[in-house]
Structure formats: structure tokens, C-alpha cells
Amino acid sequence: MARHYRYRLPLWLRHCIFVIESCTLPILIFQLLRTLFFPTTFDVFLLGLLVGLFIAFYLEWI
């Protein structure tokens, strides 16, 4: 359902969403490694947010 609404957005906003979607996985992997080696409360919270964002893009909710 989100696929149809995504393409109704202005071109500049659609481009921003595509860039964020393509950068999410590398940032997620980096944050996962950082959390494994230097766990802090902020790192765990940030990792949870990135996992949620990645799942939302993967399931095409955004």
C-alpha cells in the first residue's frame, strides 16, 4: 500500500527517502558491531531505532 503513496510525493522528497533507504543497512551493520564491542544504553537504543527503520523500509511501510 505504501508503494502507491510513495510515488505521489514530490521528486525531492522521494529521492531523500530512497537515499535513506539505501543507507540504512550499512549504518545498521556498523551500529551492530559498535554495540557488540562497546555497549552503552544509547547504542542499544540507537540500534533498536535503526532495526525498526530497516524493518519499516523492508516491509514497505514507509
C-alpha atoms as a PDB file:
ATOM      1  CA  MET A   1       0.000   0.000   0.000  1.00  0.00           C
ATOM      2  CA  ALA A   2       2.823   2.413   0.781  1.00  0.00           C
ATOM      3  CA  ARG A   3       4.299   1.827  -2.671  1.00  0.00           C
ATOM      4  CA  HIS A   4       1.475   3.739  -4.300  1.00  0.00           C
ATOM      5  CA  TYR A   5       1.667   6.677  -1.932  1.00  0.00           C
ATOM      6  CA  ARG A   6       5.457   6.906  -2.113  1.00  0.00           C
ATOM      7  CA  TYR A   7       5.336   7.817  -5.787  1.00  0.00           C
ATOM      8  CA  ARG A   8       2.825  10.604  -5.229  1.00  0.00           C
ATOM      9  CA  LEU A   9       5.358  12.545  -3.152  1.00  0.00           C
ATOM     10  CA  PRO A  10       7.382  15.393  -4.669  1.00  0.00           C
ATOM     11  CA  LEU A  11      10.513  14.321  -6.501  1.00  0.00           C
ATOM     12  CA  TRP A  12      12.947  15.778  -3.951  1.00  0.00           C
ATOM     13  CA  LEU A  13      11.221  14.015  -1.029  1.00  0.00           C
ATOM     14  CA  ARG A  14      11.061  10.727  -2.932  1.00  0.00           C
ATOM     15  CA  HIS A  15      14.797  10.992  -3.617  1.00  0.00           C
ATOM     16  CA  CYS A  16      15.502  11.614   0.083  1.00  0.00           C
ATOM     17  CA  ILE A  17      13.518   8.509   1.039  1.00  0.00           C
ATOM     18  CA  PHE A  18      15.433   6.379  -1.473  1.00  0.00           C
ATOM     19  CA  VAL A  19      18.781   7.660  -0.159  1.00  0.00           C
ATOM     20  CA  ILE A  20      17.805   6.970   3.462  1.00  0.00           C
ATOM     21  CA  GLU A  21      16.563   3.512   2.491  1.00  0.00           C
ATOM     22  CA  SER A  22      19.826   2.619   0.758  1.00  0.00           C
ATOM     23  CA  CYS A  23      21.994   3.907   3.637  1.00  0.00           C
ATOM     24  CA  THR A  24      20.084   2.162   6.413  1.00  0.00           C
ATOM     25  CA  LEU A  25      21.684  -1.289   6.088  1.00  0.00           C
ATOM     26  CA  PRO A  26      25.370  -0.188   6.220  1.00  0.00           C
ATOM     27  CA  ILE A  27      24.666   2.100   9.185  1.00  0.00           C
ATOM     28  CA  LEU A  28      22.766  -0.731  10.885  1.00  0.00           C
ATOM     29  CA  ILE A  29      25.684  -3.143  10.468  1.00  0.00           C
ATOM     30  CA  PHE A  30      28.151  -0.564  11.780  1.00  0.00           C
ATOM     31  CA  GLN A  31      25.945   0.178  14.782  1.00  0.00           C
ATOM     32  CA  LEU A  32      25.532  -3.545  15.497  1.00  0.00           C
ATOM     33  CA  LEU A  33      29.312  -4.029  15.583  1.00  0.00           C
ATOM     34  CA  ARG A  34      29.755  -0.937  17.730  1.00  0.00           C
ATOM     35  CA  THR A  35      27.094  -2.152  20.170  1.00  0.00           C
ATOM     36  CA  LEU A  36      28.704  -5.581  20.419  1.00  0.00           C
ATOM     37  CA  PHE A  37      32.139  -4.162  21.274  1.00  0.00           C
ATOM     38  CA  PHE A  38      31.224  -1.017  23.278  1.00  0.00           C
ATOM     39  CA  PRO A  39      27.681  -1.450  24.632  1.00  0.00           C
ATOM     40  CA  THR A  40      26.108   1.621  26.149  1.00  0.00           C
ATOM     41  CA  THR A  41      22.473   2.476  26.732  1.00  0.00           C
ATOM     42  CA  PHE A  42      22.476   4.994  23.898  1.00  0.00           C
ATOM     43  CA  ASP A  43      23.994   2.474  21.455  1.00  0.00           C
ATOM     44  CA  VAL A  44      21.346  -0.133  22.281  1.00  0.00           C
ATOM     45  CA  PHE A  45      18.587   2.470  21.887  1.00  0.00           C
ATOM     46  CA  LEU A  46      20.020   3.666  18.560  1.00  0.00           C
ATOM     47  CA  LEU A  47      20.348   0.080  17.336  1.00  0.00           C
ATOM     48  CA  GLY A  48      16.692  -0.534  18.166  1.00  0.00           C
ATOM     49  CA  LEU A  49      15.650   2.558  16.221  1.00  0.00           C
ATOM     50  CA  LEU A  50      17.724   1.523  13.209  1.00  0.00           C
ATOM     51  CA  VAL A  51      16.325  -2.019  13.258  1.00  0.00           C
ATOM     52  CA  GLY A  52      12.805  -0.595  13.382  1.00  0.00           C
ATOM     53  CA  LEU A  53      13.558   1.755  10.489  1.00  0.00           C
ATOM     54  CA  PHE A  54      15.087  -1.069   8.452  1.00  0.00           C
ATOM     55  CA  ILE A  55      12.079  -3.317   9.054  1.00  0.00           C
ATOM     56  CA  ALA A  56       9.714  -0.490   8.096  1.00  0.00           C
ATOM     57  CA  PHE A  57      11.550   0.000   4.793  1.00  0.00           C
ATOM     58  CA  TYR A  58      11.794  -3.757   4.181  1.00  0.00           C
ATOM     59  CA  LEU A  59       8.054  -4.291   4.700  1.00  0.00           C
ATOM     60  CA  GLU A  60       7.365  -1.113   2.663  1.00  0.00           C
ATOM     61  CA  TRP A  61       5.516   0.667   5.461  1.00  0.00           C
ATOM     62  CA  ILE A  62       7.404   3.847   4.556  1.00  0.00           C
END
